[in-house]
């Protein structure tokens, strides 16, 4: 696998936590950072996918009006919460 070195300045307290986790897991600092970065990239890609999906729903008119959502949200603290609006 081809790789590329990335350099980043991080707060000392964060670097120390990474080192502690690496020691506890008996892994290298690089492995820990690669795992964390990979998880973050996956999360951001999923966030973008969901945002584009939501925007397509809006363009298609598939929305729930604010009043319906507010009534539902208010019901969540009651003894008989309403079903999720559709």
C-alpha atoms as a PDB file:
ATOM      1  CA  UNK A   1       0.000   0.000   0.000  1.00  0.00           C
ATOM      2  CA  UNK A   2       1.308   3.454  -0.870  1.00  0.00           C
ATOM      3  CA  UNK A   3       1.423   5.838   2.054  1.00  0.00           C
ATOM      4  CA  UNK A   4       2.007   9.519   2.673  1.00  0.00           C
ATOM      5  CA  UNK A   5       3.349  11.144   5.796  1.00  0.00           C
ATOM      6  CA  UNK A   6       1.076  13.809   7.288  1.00  0.00           C
ATOM      7  CA  UNK A   7       2.331  16.197   9.934  1.00  0.00           C
ATOM      8  CA  UNK A   8       0.079  17.960  12.413  1.00  0.00           C
ATOM      9  CA  UNK A   9       0.668  20.005  15.508  1.00  0.00           C
ATOM     10  CA  UNK A  10      -1.614  18.813  18.307  1.00  0.00           C
ATOM     11  CA  UNK A  11      -1.931  19.981  21.883  1.00  0.00           C
ATOM     12  CA  UNK A  12       0.484  18.229  24.221  1.00  0.00           C
ATOM     13  CA  UNK A  13      -2.383  16.852  26.315  1.00  0.00           C
ATOM     14  CA  UNK A  14      -3.892  15.172  23.241  1.00  0.00           C
ATOM     15  CA  UNK A  15      -0.528  13.718  22.201  1.00  0.00           C
ATOM     16  CA  UNK A  16      -0.082  12.314  25.702  1.00  0.00           C
ATOM     17  CA  UNK A  17      -3.522  10.675  25.557  1.00  0.00           C
ATOM     18  CA  UNK A  18      -2.643   9.119  22.198  1.00  0.00           C
ATOM     19  CA  UNK A  19       0.587   7.790  23.685  1.00  0.00           C
ATOM     20  CA  UNK A  20      -1.296   6.347  26.674  1.00  0.00           C
ATOM     21  CA  UNK A  21      -3.805   4.611  24.425  1.00  0.00           C
ATOM     22  CA  UNK A  22      -1.023   3.278  22.214  1.00  0.00           C
ATOM     23  CA  UNK A  23       0.789   1.849  25.232  1.00  0.00           C
ATOM     24  CA  UNK A  24      -2.395   0.339  26.669  1.00  0.00           C
ATOM     25  CA  UNK A  25      -3.271  -1.279  23.330  1.00  0.00           C
ATOM     26  CA  UNK A  26       0.329  -2.223  22.593  1.00  0.00           C
ATOM     27  CA  UNK A  27       0.118  -0.412  19.254  1.00  0.00           C
ATOM     28  CA  UNK A  28       2.187   2.345  17.717  1.00  0.00           C
ATOM     29  CA  UNK A  29       1.223   5.990  17.914  1.00  0.00           C
ATOM     30  CA  UNK A  30       0.929   5.947  14.114  1.00  0.00           C
ATOM     31  CA  UNK A  31      -1.539   3.064  14.218  1.00  0.00           C
ATOM     32  CA  UNK A  32      -3.714   4.886  16.747  1.00  0.00           C
ATOM     33  CA  UNK A  33      -3.688   8.106  14.720  1.00  0.00           C
ATOM     34  CA  UNK A  34      -4.458   6.200  11.507  1.00  0.00           C
ATOM     35  CA  UNK A  35      -7.444   4.490  13.152  1.00  0.00           C
ATOM     36  CA  UNK A  36      -8.767   7.779  14.525  1.00  0.00           C
ATOM     37  CA  UNK A  37      -8.302   9.607  11.236  1.00  0.00           C
ATOM     38  CA  UNK A  38      -9.956   6.810   9.298  1.00  0.00           C
ATOM     39  CA  UNK A  39     -12.975   6.829  11.628  1.00  0.00           C
ATOM     40  CA  UNK A  40     -13.267  10.621  11.333  1.00  0.00           C
ATOM     41  CA  UNK A  41     -13.081  10.519   7.520  1.00  0.00           C
ATOM     42  CA  UNK A  42     -15.767   7.794   7.447  1.00  0.00           C
ATOM     43  CA  UNK A  43     -17.964   9.912   9.739  1.00  0.00           C
ATOM     44  CA  UNK A  44     -17.546  13.009   7.578  1.00  0.00           C
ATOM     45  CA  UNK A  45     -18.302  11.062   4.385  1.00  0.00           C
ATOM     46  CA  UNK A  46     -21.480   9.681   5.969  1.00  0.00           C
ATOM     47  CA  UNK A  47     -22.457  13.166   7.147  1.00  0.00           C
ATOM     48  CA  UNK A  48     -22.026  14.478   3.594  1.00  0.00           C
ATOM     49  CA  UNK A  49     -24.043  11.585   2.141  1.00  0.00           C
ATOM     50  CA  UNK A  50     -26.860  12.208   4.601  1.00  0.00           C
ATOM     51  CA  UNK A  51     -26.784  15.961   3.910  1.00  0.00           C
ATOM     52  CA  UNK A  52     -27.061  15.394   0.154  1.00  0.00           C
ATOM     53  CA  UNK A  53     -29.891  12.919   0.744  1.00  0.00           C
ATOM     54  CA  UNK A  54     -31.709  15.440   2.923  1.00  0.00           C
ATOM     55  CA  UNK A  55     -31.250  18.191   0.351  1.00  0.00           C
ATOM     56  CA  UNK A  56     -32.704  15.904  -2.334  1.00  0.00           C
ATOM     57  CA  UNK A  57     -35.696  15.238  -0.068  1.00  0.00           C
ATOM     58  CA  UNK A  58     -36.208  18.972   0.335  1.00  0.00           C
ATOM     59  CA  UNK A  59     -36.033  19.553  -3.407  1.00  0.00           C
ATOM     60  CA  UNK A  60     -38.587  16.756  -3.886  1.00  0.00           C
ATOM     61  CA  UNK A  61     -40.903  18.380  -1.342  1.00  0.00           C
ATOM     62  CA  UNK A  62     -40.560  15.508   1.113  1.00  0.00           C
ATOM     63  CA  UNK A  63     -40.510  17.602   4.267  1.00  0.00           C
ATOM     64  CA  UNK A  64     -42.305  17.693   7.602  1.00  0.00           C
ATOM     65  CA  UNK A  65     -43.583  21.091   8.687  1.00  0.00           C
ATOM     66  CA  UNK A  66     -42.139  22.672  11.804  1.00  0.00           C
ATOM     67  CA  UNK A  67     -45.423  22.691  13.704  1.00  0.00           C
ATOM     68  CA  UNK A  68     -45.792  18.905  13.376  1.00  0.00           C
ATOM     69  CA  UNK A  69     -42.263  18.339  14.619  1.00  0.00           C
ATOM     70  CA  UNK A  70     -42.771  20.751  17.521  1.00  0.00           C
ATOM     71  CA  UNK A  71     -45.995  19.031  18.624  1.00  0.00           C
ATOM     72  CA  UNK A  72     -44.241  15.642  18.445  1.00  0.00           C
ATOM     73  CA  UNK A  73     -41.171  16.905  20.357  1.00  0.00           C
ATOM     74  CA  UNK A  74     -43.365  18.433  23.061  1.00  0.00           C
ATOM     75  CA  UNK A  75     -45.189  15.112  23.444  1.00  0.00           C
ATOM     76  CA  UNK A  76     -41.974  13.235  24.235  1.00  0.00           C
ATOM     77  CA  UNK A  77     -42.039  14.409  27.842  1.00  0.00           C
ATOM     78  CA  UNK A  78     -45.650  13.322  28.302  1.00  0.00           C
ATOM     79  CA  UNK A  79     -47.095   9.984  29.410  1.00  0.00           C
ATOM     80  CA  UNK A  80     -48.290   9.295  25.858  1.00  0.00           C
ATOM     81  CA  UNK A  81     -45.742  10.490  23.291  1.00  0.00           C
ATOM     82  CA  UNK A  82     -46.989  10.847  19.738  1.00  0.00           C
ATOM     83  CA  UNK A  83     -45.592   8.740  16.893  1.00  0.00           C
ATOM     84  CA  UNK A  84     -42.850  10.299  14.792  1.00  0.00           C
ATOM     85  CA  UNK A  85     -44.415  12.594  12.208  1.00  0.00           C
ATOM     86  CA  UNK A  86     -44.184  11.377   8.635  1.00  0.00           C
END
